[in-house]
Structure formats: structure tokens, C-alpha cells
Amino acid sequence: MKICGLQKLTLLDFPSKVACTVFLGGCNFRCPFCYNAPLVFLERDEITEWPEEKFFRFLDTRKGTLDGVCITGGEPLMSDLRDFARKIKERGFLLKLDTNGSFPERLKDLIDQKLVDYVAMDVKNTLEKYPETIGRADFDPSPVARSIALLKEGRVDYEFRTTVSRELHKPEDLMELARYLRGAKRYFLQSYSDAGEQIGDEALSAYSKEELERMLKKIKEEIPEAELRGV
């Protein structure tokens, strides 16, 4: 496993846990609001400061200090994570996975083998608007629908989250999405923020906090556990 970056300590990425975050390169989406845009185009065979052996030497020094490891990207499930996840679990750490949900079979395999403890899935928009939202005109969102259904089974702890921009997400889109996600354990609306390195040329902007709060109030009618994050 080629690791493109490592945050040695985070109190935010893994809910209620002290963790480190592993960044993997490459992604099959081209979301214009991506906050890790440089990783999207980073090939996994490029030189990295964190080859797998070095990472596990680091992790062995953090036993008793860290609760878990977050794996994010890019899209981590572009690779088969089983062996990497197993080595993390064998060392006694919890594992959290960030995913866009486009590889439901690989996600199911990790859940079936009890190699993941928490999944944060980015739900980009209504299924109908997925192609324009992720910058892939040819994208079939049915794998995303399968991942959503899989997580809603409740066999692993999870959250859904949507990064909201004014140009890509209308209030009616978010209400349709909330109805689709009804019954979700957790759902977060995250405001678009300009990370400085945008994919594509589309100009995006954020809703105000007051606008998001009004939308959240309506969404809570479908998902009582919905919250704003990072606003």
C-alpha cells in the first residue's frame, strides 16, 4: 500500500476517538468541491514518504496512545484494502474508512470480515444529479445506491454526509436526498469551502449559515439525527 500522506494525530476525523489519518491517492470522481484535490490525480505508484513498512513502524510506537486509524483519499476503495486493514486491526486499532460509495462489493467485504469499525460515506447529491455533481457525465449511480442500502443495514457504525454548494445543491435536491436517506443513523450537511485547488472551472459558492440552518430544520423532519458540520 502506497501512502501519500499521514496526519499523525487527529481528534476530529474519527468520532470520539484519538486517531491518525492515512491519505491514499487517486479517485474515480472529479467533484469540483473536493477538499483533497491534489490527491485525486496522484498515482499510487508515485514516490511517497510513507511506504507501508514505515507506516506500521510508526503505528507500533502509538499503541496505547491512538485509538484508531482513518483511511481517506482520494477514494481508498480503488485499492483492495483487506491486507492493509487486517494489519491495522491485528495491532489492536480501530479503523474508520472514508468512501464515496462507488465500490459496494469491496465495502461489503470489509464489513463482512469485520475489518472496519466506522464508515463515513460522502453522498454527493440525489442519484439523478450524481453525474453533474461528480464531474462524470457517464456515471451510473447504482453502486452508490447499493452502498447506501448496505450501510443502512446497520452492521457497522456509519454516517452519511453531503458537502453543499449553492450551484450544485438546491434546497429541493437536499429534501429529496433526505427522503431517500430516511432512517439513516447520522447525516451531516457540510458547507462548501474553497480549498484553493479546485477541480474544473465551475465557480462554486457556499450558502450562509442561516440558509443551511433553515434547510436543516426541514431535513430533520426526515432524518431527526441530521446536523450541520463545520459551519
Protein backbone atom coordinates (compact mmCIF):
# COMPACT_ATOMS: atom_id res chain seq x y z
CA MET A 1 0.00 0.00 0.00
CA LYS A 2 1.42 3.37 -1.05
CA ILE A 3 0.53 6.10 1.42
CA CYS A 4 0.51 9.62 0.00
CA GLY A 5 0.28 11.42 3.34
CA LEU A 6 -0.11 10.90 7.07
CA GLN A 7 -1.63 13.11 9.74
CA LYS A 8 -0.12 11.68 12.89
CA LEU A 9 -2.82 12.93 15.24
CA THR A 10 -6.45 13.94 14.79
CA LEU A 11 -9.22 14.48 17.31
CA LEU A 12 -11.80 15.25 14.61
CA ASP A 13 -11.71 12.61 11.86
CA PHE A 14 -12.79 9.58 13.92
CA PRO A 15 -15.79 10.44 16.15
CA SER A 16 -14.94 10.22 19.87
CA LYS A 17 -11.54 8.66 19.11
CA VAL A 18 -7.91 9.74 19.04
CA ALA A 19 -6.57 8.68 15.67
CA CYS A 20 -4.14 9.19 12.84
CA THR A 21 -5.26 9.70 9.25
CA VAL A 22 -3.79 7.93 6.23
CA PHE A 23 -4.23 9.60 2.81
CA LEU A 24 -4.31 7.45 -0.33
CA GLY A 25 -4.03 8.87 -3.83
CA GLY A 26 -6.31 8.51 -6.82
CA CYS A 27 -10.06 8.92 -7.22
CA ASN A 28 -12.68 7.90 -9.78
CA PHE A 29 -14.72 11.09 -9.16
CA ARG A 30 -13.93 14.65 -10.24
CA CYS A 31 -16.03 16.65 -7.76
CA PRO A 32 -15.42 20.38 -8.21
CA PHE A 33 -15.84 20.90 -4.45
CA CYS A 34 -13.20 18.31 -3.49
CA TYR A 35 -11.13 19.38 -0.47
CA ASN A 36 -8.28 16.98 -1.30
CA ALA A 37 -7.96 17.82 -5.00
CA PRO A 38 -4.18 17.19 -5.23
CA LEU A 39 -4.74 13.57 -4.15
CA VAL A 40 -7.29 12.92 -6.91
CA PHE A 41 -4.62 12.93 -9.61
CA LEU A 42 -1.80 11.42 -7.53
CA GLU A 43 -0.94 7.94 -8.76
CA ARG A 44 -0.46 5.26 -6.13
CA ASP A 45 2.91 4.19 -7.55
CA GLU A 46 4.44 7.64 -7.20
CA ILE A 47 7.19 8.16 -4.66
CA THR A 48 5.89 8.56 -1.14
CA GLU A 49 7.47 9.37 2.19
CA TRP A 50 5.26 6.74 3.82
CA PRO A 51 5.75 3.26 2.38
CA GLU A 52 3.70 0.68 4.23
CA GLU A 53 6.59 -0.63 6.31
CA LYS A 54 7.40 2.84 7.62
CA PHE A 55 3.76 3.48 8.47
CA PHE A 56 3.46 0.30 10.53
CA ARG A 57 6.69 1.11 12.37
CA PHE A 58 5.10 4.45 13.26
CA LEU A 59 1.84 2.76 14.28
CA ASP A 60 3.66 0.32 16.56
CA THR A 61 5.03 3.29 18.53
CA ARG A 62 1.48 4.64 19.06
CA LYS A 63 -0.07 1.67 20.82
CA GLY A 64 -1.82 2.96 23.91
CA THR A 65 -1.82 6.50 22.53
CA LEU A 66 -4.05 6.22 19.47
CA ASP A 67 -7.42 4.52 19.40
CA GLY A 68 -7.67 4.12 15.67
CA VAL A 69 -6.68 4.83 12.09
CA CYS A 70 -8.69 6.76 9.50
CA ILE A 71 -8.20 5.84 5.85
CA THR A 72 -9.18 8.55 3.41
CA GLY A 73 -8.28 9.84 -0.02
CA GLY A 74 -8.87 10.23 -2.86
CA GLU A 75 -11.02 7.12 -2.88
CA PRO A 76 -9.44 4.37 -0.73
CA LEU A 77 -11.56 1.55 -2.16
CA MET A 78 -9.96 1.93 -5.57
CA SER A 79 -7.48 -0.48 -3.97
CA ASP A 80 -8.10 -3.77 -2.21
CA LEU A 81 -7.67 -2.74 1.44
CA ARG A 82 -8.10 -6.15 3.06
CA ASP A 83 -4.48 -6.90 3.92
CA PHE A 84 -3.75 -3.32 4.96
CA ALA A 85 -6.86 -3.17 7.15
CA ARG A 86 -6.12 -6.57 8.67
CA LYS A 87 -2.63 -5.46 9.73
CA ILE A 88 -4.15 -2.41 11.42
CA LYS A 89 -6.77 -4.48 13.22
CA GLU A 90 -4.24 -7.11 14.29
CA ARG A 91 -2.35 -4.37 16.12
CA GLY A 92 -5.45 -3.57 18.16
CA PHE A 93 -6.50 -0.34 16.45
CA LEU A 94 -9.99 0.62 15.34
CA LEU A 95 -10.41 1.51 11.67
CA LYS A 96 -12.50 4.23 10.07
CA LEU A 97 -12.98 4.43 6.31
CA ASP A 98 -13.96 7.47 4.22
CA THR A 99 -15.52 6.47 0.91
CA ASN A 100 -17.62 7.80 -1.96
CA GLY A 101 -19.59 4.56 -2.02
CA SER A 102 -18.84 3.59 -5.62
CA PHE A 103 -17.31 0.21 -4.72
CA PRO A 104 -20.06 -1.55 -2.73
CA GLU A 105 -18.59 -5.05 -3.14
CA ARG A 106 -15.27 -4.01 -1.60
CA LEU A 107 -17.09 -2.15 1.15
CA LYS A 108 -19.23 -5.20 1.88
CA ASP A 109 -16.16 -7.42 2.01
CA LEU A 110 -14.52 -5.23 4.67
CA ILE A 111 -17.74 -5.23 6.71
CA ASP A 112 -18.23 -9.00 6.33
CA GLN A 113 -14.68 -9.64 7.53
CA LYS A 114 -15.07 -7.17 10.43
CA LEU A 115 -12.11 -5.14 9.19
CA VAL A 116 -13.78 -1.74 9.54
CA ASP A 117 -15.40 -0.15 12.61
CA TYR A 118 -16.82 3.09 11.19
CA VAL A 119 -17.67 4.22 7.66
CA ALA A 120 -18.17 7.83 6.58
CA MET A 121 -19.79 7.89 3.16
CA ASP A 122 -19.99 11.04 1.09
CA VAL A 123 -23.40 11.18 -0.58
CA LYS A 124 -22.83 13.78 -3.26
CA ASN A 125 -26.39 14.63 -4.30
CA THR A 126 -29.61 13.00 -5.41
CA LEU A 127 -28.89 9.95 -7.56
CA GLU A 128 -30.30 11.73 -10.60
CA LYS A 129 -27.83 14.60 -10.21
CA TYR A 130 -24.76 12.46 -9.50
CA PRO A 131 -23.15 12.75 -12.96
CA GLU A 132 -23.09 16.55 -12.98
CA THR A 133 -22.15 16.77 -9.30
CA ILE A 134 -19.13 14.47 -9.51
CA GLY A 135 -17.91 15.64 -12.90
CA ARG A 136 -18.56 12.29 -14.60
CA ALA A 137 -21.25 12.56 -17.28
CA ASP A 138 -21.18 8.79 -17.89
CA PHE A 139 -21.52 7.76 -14.23
CA ASP A 140 -24.09 5.14 -13.23
CA PRO A 141 -25.08 5.85 -9.58
CA SER A 142 -26.44 2.35 -8.89
CA PRO A 143 -23.27 1.29 -6.98
CA VAL A 144 -23.75 4.32 -4.71
CA ALA A 145 -27.34 3.23 -4.05
CA ARG A 146 -26.09 -0.26 -3.10
CA SER A 147 -23.55 1.20 -0.65
CA ILE A 148 -26.23 3.36 0.97
CA ALA A 149 -28.50 0.33 1.40
CA LEU A 150 -25.61 -1.72 2.76
CA LEU A 151 -24.74 0.83 5.44
CA LYS A 152 -28.38 1.31 6.42
CA GLU A 153 -28.42 -2.38 7.35
CA GLY A 154 -26.52 -1.24 10.45
CA ARG A 155 -23.85 -3.96 10.52
CA VAL A 156 -21.17 -1.30 11.01
CA ASP A 157 -21.29 2.14 12.60
CA TYR A 158 -21.59 4.83 9.94
CA GLU A 159 -22.52 8.32 8.84
CA PHE A 160 -23.64 9.92 5.61
CA ARG A 161 -22.51 13.44 4.73
CA THR A 162 -23.07 15.90 1.91
CA THR A 163 -20.89 18.88 1.02
CA VAL A 164 -23.30 21.59 -0.09
CA SER A 165 -22.67 24.31 -2.67
CA ARG A 166 -25.20 26.83 -3.94
CA GLU A 167 -24.65 25.96 -7.61
CA LEU A 168 -24.93 22.16 -7.31
CA HIS A 169 -27.41 21.69 -4.45
CA LYS A 170 -30.82 23.33 -4.45
CA PRO A 171 -32.97 23.10 -1.31
CA GLU A 172 -35.35 20.76 -3.14
CA ASP A 173 -32.41 18.47 -4.02
CA LEU A 174 -31.44 18.20 -0.38
CA MET A 175 -35.01 17.44 0.65
CA GLU A 176 -35.25 14.70 -1.98
CA LEU A 177 -31.95 13.31 -0.74
CA ALA A 178 -33.15 13.42 2.88
CA ARG A 179 -36.23 11.42 1.95
CA TYR A 180 -34.03 8.87 0.21
CA LEU A 181 -31.77 8.60 3.27
CA ARG A 182 -34.66 8.40 5.73
CA GLY A 183 -33.74 6.07 8.59
CA ALA A 184 -30.03 6.91 8.43
CA LYS A 185 -28.20 6.72 11.73
CA ARG A 186 -26.33 10.00 11.18
CA TYR A 187 -26.38 12.61 8.43
CA PHE A 188 -24.26 15.76 8.20
CA LEU A 189 -24.54 18.78 5.94
CA GLN A 190 -21.14 20.33 5.32
CA SER A 191 -20.77 23.76 3.77
CA TYR A 192 -18.65 24.13 0.66
CA SER A 193 -15.33 25.80 1.40
CA ASP A 194 -12.82 26.93 -1.19
CA ALA A 195 -9.76 24.75 -0.58
CA GLY A 196 -7.70 26.74 -3.06
CA GLU A 197 -7.17 23.94 -5.61
CA GLN A 198 -10.46 23.30 -7.37
CA ILE A 199 -11.12 20.57 -9.94
CA GLY A 200 -12.67 22.03 -13.07
CA ASP A 201 -13.67 25.56 -13.94
CA GLU A 202 -17.11 25.84 -12.37
CA ALA A 203 -17.33 28.69 -9.87
CA LEU A 204 -18.88 27.50 -6.62
CA SER A 205 -20.11 29.35 -3.56
CA ALA A 206 -21.45 28.50 -0.12
CA TYR A 207 -24.84 29.00 1.44
CA SER A 208 -24.92 31.20 4.53
CA LYS A 209 -25.14 29.58 7.95
CA GLU A 210 -28.70 30.88 8.29
CA GLU A 211 -29.71 29.31 4.97
CA LEU A 212 -28.19 25.99 5.95
CA GLU A 213 -29.95 26.09 9.30
CA ARG A 214 -33.30 26.60 7.56
CA MET A 215 -32.61 23.67 5.26
CA LEU A 216 -31.50 21.53 8.19
CA LYS A 217 -34.76 22.20 10.01
CA LYS A 218 -36.70 20.74 7.08
CA ILE A 219 -34.28 17.84 6.66
CA LYS A 220 -34.71 16.90 10.32
CA GLU A 221 -38.33 16.10 9.53
CA GLU A 222 -36.97 13.16 7.52
CA ILE A 223 -33.74 12.45 9.44
CA PRO A 224 -34.03 13.64 13.06
CA GLU A 225 -30.32 12.93 13.65
CA ALA A 226 -29.18 15.32 10.88
CA GLU A 227 -26.71 18.05 11.88
CA LEU A 228 -24.55 20.79 10.41
CA ARG A 229 -20.80 20.23 10.49
CA GLY A 230 -18.00 22.76 10.11
CA VAL A 231 -20.30 25.75 9.79
